[in-house]
Amino acid sequence: MATSQERSVDVVELDGLRIRLRIKGYPVVLVNAVRRTVLSDVPTMAVDYAYIFDNTTASTTNGSPQAWPGCSRQQRGCREV
């Protein structure tokens, strides 16, 4: 176990969206618990449905509905993904 004189937390990079720290002398389990706690407070978002209308980009599939990942039905020219 490291003594208090060997412990340090240095800010390596700090901007509006990110902070990078160099942490020395603390147990890995403690630092990982702090990291997981900080990450759990980051807002997240989930998308339930996405509709694509008139997609004219090139496709790598053969164009059949079975080749579209996650496609369950076709409706009025759009695909539910």
N, C-alpha and C. Protein backbone atom coordinates (compact mmCIF):
# COMPACT_ATOMS: atom_id res chain seq x y z
N MET A 1 0.84 -1.18 0.00
CA MET A 1 0.00 0.00 0.00
C MET A 1 0.89 1.24 0.00
N ALA A 2 0.54 2.21 -0.79
CA ALA A 2 1.32 3.43 -0.92
C ALA A 2 1.04 4.37 0.24
N THR A 3 2.06 5.12 0.64
CA THR A 3 1.87 6.12 1.68
C THR A 3 1.25 7.37 1.08
N SER A 4 0.78 8.28 1.95
CA SER A 4 0.09 9.47 1.46
C SER A 4 1.00 10.37 0.63
N GLN A 5 2.34 10.33 0.86
CA GLN A 5 3.23 11.16 0.06
C GLN A 5 3.36 10.65 -1.37
N GLU A 6 3.07 9.39 -1.61
CA GLU A 6 3.20 8.80 -2.95
C GLU A 6 1.92 8.92 -3.76
N ARG A 7 0.85 9.39 -3.17
CA ARG A 7 -0.43 9.50 -3.87
C ARG A 7 -0.53 10.85 -4.57
N SER A 8 -1.10 10.82 -5.79
CA SER A 8 -1.30 12.08 -6.50
C SER A 8 -2.39 11.93 -7.55
N VAL A 9 -3.05 13.04 -7.83
CA VAL A 9 -4.03 13.12 -8.91
C VAL A 9 -3.65 14.35 -9.72
N ASP A 10 -3.23 14.15 -10.97
CA ASP A 10 -2.81 15.24 -11.85
C ASP A 10 -3.78 15.37 -13.01
N VAL A 11 -4.16 16.60 -13.34
CA VAL A 11 -5.02 16.86 -14.50
C VAL A 11 -4.12 16.92 -15.73
N VAL A 12 -4.32 15.98 -16.66
CA VAL A 12 -3.53 15.92 -17.88
C VAL A 12 -4.16 16.78 -18.96
N GLU A 13 -5.49 16.72 -19.09
CA GLU A 13 -6.21 17.47 -20.12
C GLU A 13 -7.57 17.87 -19.57
N LEU A 14 -7.98 19.10 -19.85
CA LEU A 14 -9.28 19.58 -19.39
C LEU A 14 -9.86 20.50 -20.45
N ASP A 15 -11.03 20.13 -20.98
CA ASP A 15 -11.76 21.01 -21.90
C ASP A 15 -13.24 20.93 -21.54
N GLY A 16 -14.09 21.48 -22.39
CA GLY A 16 -15.51 21.56 -22.07
C GLY A 16 -16.21 20.23 -21.94
N LEU A 17 -15.72 19.18 -22.60
CA LEU A 17 -16.41 17.89 -22.61
C LEU A 17 -15.62 16.75 -22.00
N ARG A 18 -14.35 16.98 -21.66
CA ARG A 18 -13.53 15.85 -21.26
C ARG A 18 -12.51 16.29 -20.22
N ILE A 19 -12.16 15.35 -19.37
CA ILE A 19 -11.06 15.55 -18.43
C ILE A 19 -10.24 14.26 -18.40
N ARG A 20 -8.94 14.41 -18.45
CA ARG A 20 -8.04 13.26 -18.36
C ARG A 20 -7.18 13.44 -17.12
N LEU A 21 -7.15 12.40 -16.30
CA LEU A 21 -6.42 12.46 -15.04
C LEU A 21 -5.33 11.40 -15.02
N ARG A 22 -4.24 11.69 -14.32
CA ARG A 22 -3.21 10.69 -14.02
C ARG A 22 -3.28 10.47 -12.52
N ILE A 23 -3.67 9.27 -12.12
CA ILE A 23 -3.89 8.94 -10.71
C ILE A 23 -2.83 7.95 -10.29
N LYS A 24 -2.08 8.29 -9.24
CA LYS A 24 -1.01 7.43 -8.75
C LYS A 24 -1.20 7.15 -7.27
N GLY A 25 -0.90 5.91 -6.88
CA GLY A 25 -0.86 5.55 -5.48
C GLY A 25 -2.17 5.13 -4.85
N TYR A 26 -3.25 5.08 -5.61
CA TYR A 26 -4.54 4.66 -5.07
C TYR A 26 -4.84 3.25 -5.55
N PRO A 27 -5.58 2.46 -4.75
CA PRO A 27 -5.94 1.11 -5.18
C PRO A 27 -6.78 1.15 -6.48
N VAL A 28 -6.53 0.21 -7.35
CA VAL A 28 -7.23 0.15 -8.64
C VAL A 28 -8.73 0.01 -8.43
N VAL A 29 -9.16 -0.75 -7.44
CA VAL A 29 -10.59 -0.95 -7.22
C VAL A 29 -11.27 0.36 -6.82
N LEU A 30 -10.58 1.22 -6.07
CA LEU A 30 -11.15 2.50 -5.69
C LEU A 30 -11.27 3.43 -6.91
N VAL A 31 -10.22 3.49 -7.70
CA VAL A 31 -10.24 4.35 -8.90
C VAL A 31 -11.30 3.86 -9.88
N ASN A 32 -11.43 2.55 -10.04
CA ASN A 32 -12.43 2.00 -10.95
C ASN A 32 -13.84 2.28 -10.44
N ALA A 33 -14.06 2.23 -9.13
CA ALA A 33 -15.38 2.54 -8.57
C ALA A 33 -15.74 4.00 -8.82
N VAL A 34 -14.77 4.90 -8.67
CA VAL A 34 -15.03 6.32 -8.96
C VAL A 34 -15.32 6.50 -10.44
N ARG A 35 -14.57 5.82 -11.31
CA ARG A 35 -14.79 5.92 -12.77
C ARG A 35 -16.20 5.45 -13.12
N ARG A 36 -16.63 4.31 -12.57
CA ARG A 36 -17.96 3.78 -12.88
C ARG A 36 -19.05 4.72 -12.36
N THR A 37 -18.85 5.33 -11.20
CA THR A 37 -19.82 6.27 -10.66
C THR A 37 -19.96 7.49 -11.55
N VAL A 38 -18.83 8.02 -12.02
CA VAL A 38 -18.86 9.18 -12.90
C VAL A 38 -19.56 8.83 -14.21
N LEU A 39 -19.25 7.67 -14.78
CA LEU A 39 -19.88 7.27 -16.04
C LEU A 39 -21.38 7.04 -15.89
N SER A 40 -21.83 6.61 -14.72
CA SER A 40 -23.27 6.37 -14.54
C SER A 40 -24.07 7.67 -14.52
N ASP A 41 -23.40 8.79 -14.27
CA ASP A 41 -24.09 10.07 -14.26
C ASP A 41 -24.14 10.75 -15.63
N VAL A 42 -23.55 10.13 -16.65
CA VAL A 42 -23.57 10.70 -17.99
C VAL A 42 -24.94 10.39 -18.61
N PRO A 43 -25.66 11.41 -19.11
CA PRO A 43 -26.98 11.15 -19.71
C PRO A 43 -26.86 10.27 -20.96
N THR A 44 -27.80 9.37 -21.11
CA THR A 44 -27.83 8.50 -22.29
C THR A 44 -29.20 8.60 -22.94
N MET A 45 -29.29 8.11 -24.17
CA MET A 45 -30.54 8.18 -24.91
C MET A 45 -30.71 6.88 -25.69
N ALA A 46 -31.92 6.40 -25.80
CA ALA A 46 -32.22 5.20 -26.57
C ALA A 46 -33.22 5.56 -27.65
N VAL A 47 -33.08 4.93 -28.82
CA VAL A 47 -33.98 5.15 -29.94
C VAL A 47 -34.83 3.89 -30.10
N ASP A 48 -36.15 4.04 -30.04
CA ASP A 48 -37.05 2.90 -30.20
C ASP A 48 -37.32 2.60 -31.67
N TYR A 49 -37.60 3.63 -32.45
CA TYR A 49 -37.92 3.45 -33.87
C TYR A 49 -37.17 4.49 -34.69
N ALA A 50 -36.74 4.07 -35.87
CA ALA A 50 -36.12 5.00 -36.82
C ALA A 50 -36.76 4.74 -38.18
N TYR A 51 -37.25 5.77 -38.81
CA TYR A 51 -37.87 5.64 -40.12
C TYR A 51 -36.98 6.33 -41.15
N ILE A 52 -36.73 5.65 -42.24
CA ILE A 52 -35.89 6.18 -43.31
C ILE A 52 -36.77 6.40 -44.53
N PHE A 53 -36.87 7.63 -44.99
CA PHE A 53 -37.68 7.97 -46.15
C PHE A 53 -36.76 8.32 -47.31
N ASP A 54 -36.96 7.72 -48.46
CA ASP A 54 -36.23 8.03 -49.69
C ASP A 54 -34.73 8.02 -49.50
N ASN A 55 -34.21 6.92 -48.99
CA ASN A 55 -32.77 6.77 -48.86
C ASN A 55 -32.21 6.45 -50.24
N THR A 56 -31.40 7.35 -50.80
CA THR A 56 -30.85 7.16 -52.15
C THR A 56 -29.37 6.80 -52.12
N THR A 57 -28.82 6.48 -50.96
CA THR A 57 -27.41 6.12 -50.88
C THR A 57 -27.21 4.70 -51.36
N ALA A 58 -25.98 4.39 -51.75
CA ALA A 58 -25.65 3.04 -52.21
C ALA A 58 -25.78 2.06 -51.07
N SER A 59 -26.23 0.87 -51.37
CA SER A 59 -26.42 -0.16 -50.36
C SER A 59 -25.52 -1.34 -50.66
N THR A 60 -25.01 -1.98 -49.61
CA THR A 60 -24.18 -3.17 -49.79
C THR A 60 -25.00 -4.44 -49.76
N THR A 61 -26.32 -4.34 -49.45
CA THR A 61 -27.18 -5.51 -49.44
C THR A 61 -27.74 -5.73 -50.84
N ASN A 62 -28.40 -6.84 -51.03
CA ASN A 62 -28.97 -7.15 -52.34
C ASN A 62 -30.34 -6.52 -52.55
N GLY A 63 -30.82 -5.72 -51.59
CA GLY A 63 -32.08 -5.01 -51.75
C GLY A 63 -33.30 -5.75 -51.24
N SER A 64 -33.13 -7.00 -50.81
CA SER A 64 -34.29 -7.73 -50.32
C SER A 64 -34.55 -7.38 -48.87
N PRO A 65 -35.82 -7.36 -48.43
CA PRO A 65 -36.12 -7.02 -47.04
C PRO A 65 -35.43 -7.95 -46.03
N GLN A 66 -35.18 -9.19 -46.40
CA GLN A 66 -34.52 -10.12 -45.50
C GLN A 66 -33.08 -9.70 -45.23
N ALA A 67 -32.48 -8.94 -46.13
CA ALA A 67 -31.08 -8.53 -45.97
C ALA A 67 -30.94 -7.29 -45.10
N TRP A 68 -32.04 -6.61 -44.76
CA TRP A 68 -31.96 -5.41 -43.93
C TRP A 68 -31.90 -5.84 -42.48
N PRO A 69 -30.84 -5.49 -41.75
CA PRO A 69 -30.75 -5.91 -40.35
C PRO A 69 -31.84 -5.26 -39.52
N GLY A 70 -32.55 -6.07 -38.73
CA GLY A 70 -33.57 -5.55 -37.83
C GLY A 70 -34.88 -5.17 -38.50
N CYS A 71 -35.03 -5.45 -39.80
CA CYS A 71 -36.25 -5.04 -40.50
C CYS A 71 -37.35 -6.05 -40.21
N SER A 72 -38.48 -5.53 -39.70
CA SER A 72 -39.58 -6.43 -39.40
C SER A 72 -40.76 -6.23 -40.34
N ARG A 73 -40.84 -5.07 -41.02
CA ARG A 73 -41.94 -4.83 -41.95
C ARG A 73 -41.61 -3.65 -42.85
N GLN A 74 -42.34 -3.56 -43.96
CA GLN A 74 -42.25 -2.40 -44.84
C GLN A 74 -43.57 -1.67 -44.79
N GLN A 75 -43.51 -0.35 -44.80
CA GLN A 75 -44.75 0.41 -44.70
C GLN A 75 -44.59 1.71 -45.49
N ARG A 76 -45.38 1.89 -46.51
CA ARG A 76 -45.42 3.10 -47.31
C ARG A 76 -44.04 3.63 -47.71
N GLY A 77 -43.16 2.78 -48.17
CA GLY A 77 -41.86 3.21 -48.66
C GLY A 77 -40.82 3.47 -47.59
N CYS A 78 -41.13 3.19 -46.34
CA CYS A 78 -40.12 3.38 -45.31
C CYS A 78 -39.83 2.04 -44.64
N ARG A 79 -38.67 2.00 -43.97
CA ARG A 79 -38.27 0.78 -43.29
C ARG A 79 -38.17 1.06 -41.80
N GLU A 80 -38.70 0.15 -41.00
CA GLU A 80 -38.55 0.24 -39.56
C GLU A 80 -37.30 -0.51 -39.19
N VAL A 81 -36.40 0.15 -38.49
CA VAL A 81 -35.12 -0.48 -38.11
C VAL A 81 -35.04 -0.57 -36.61
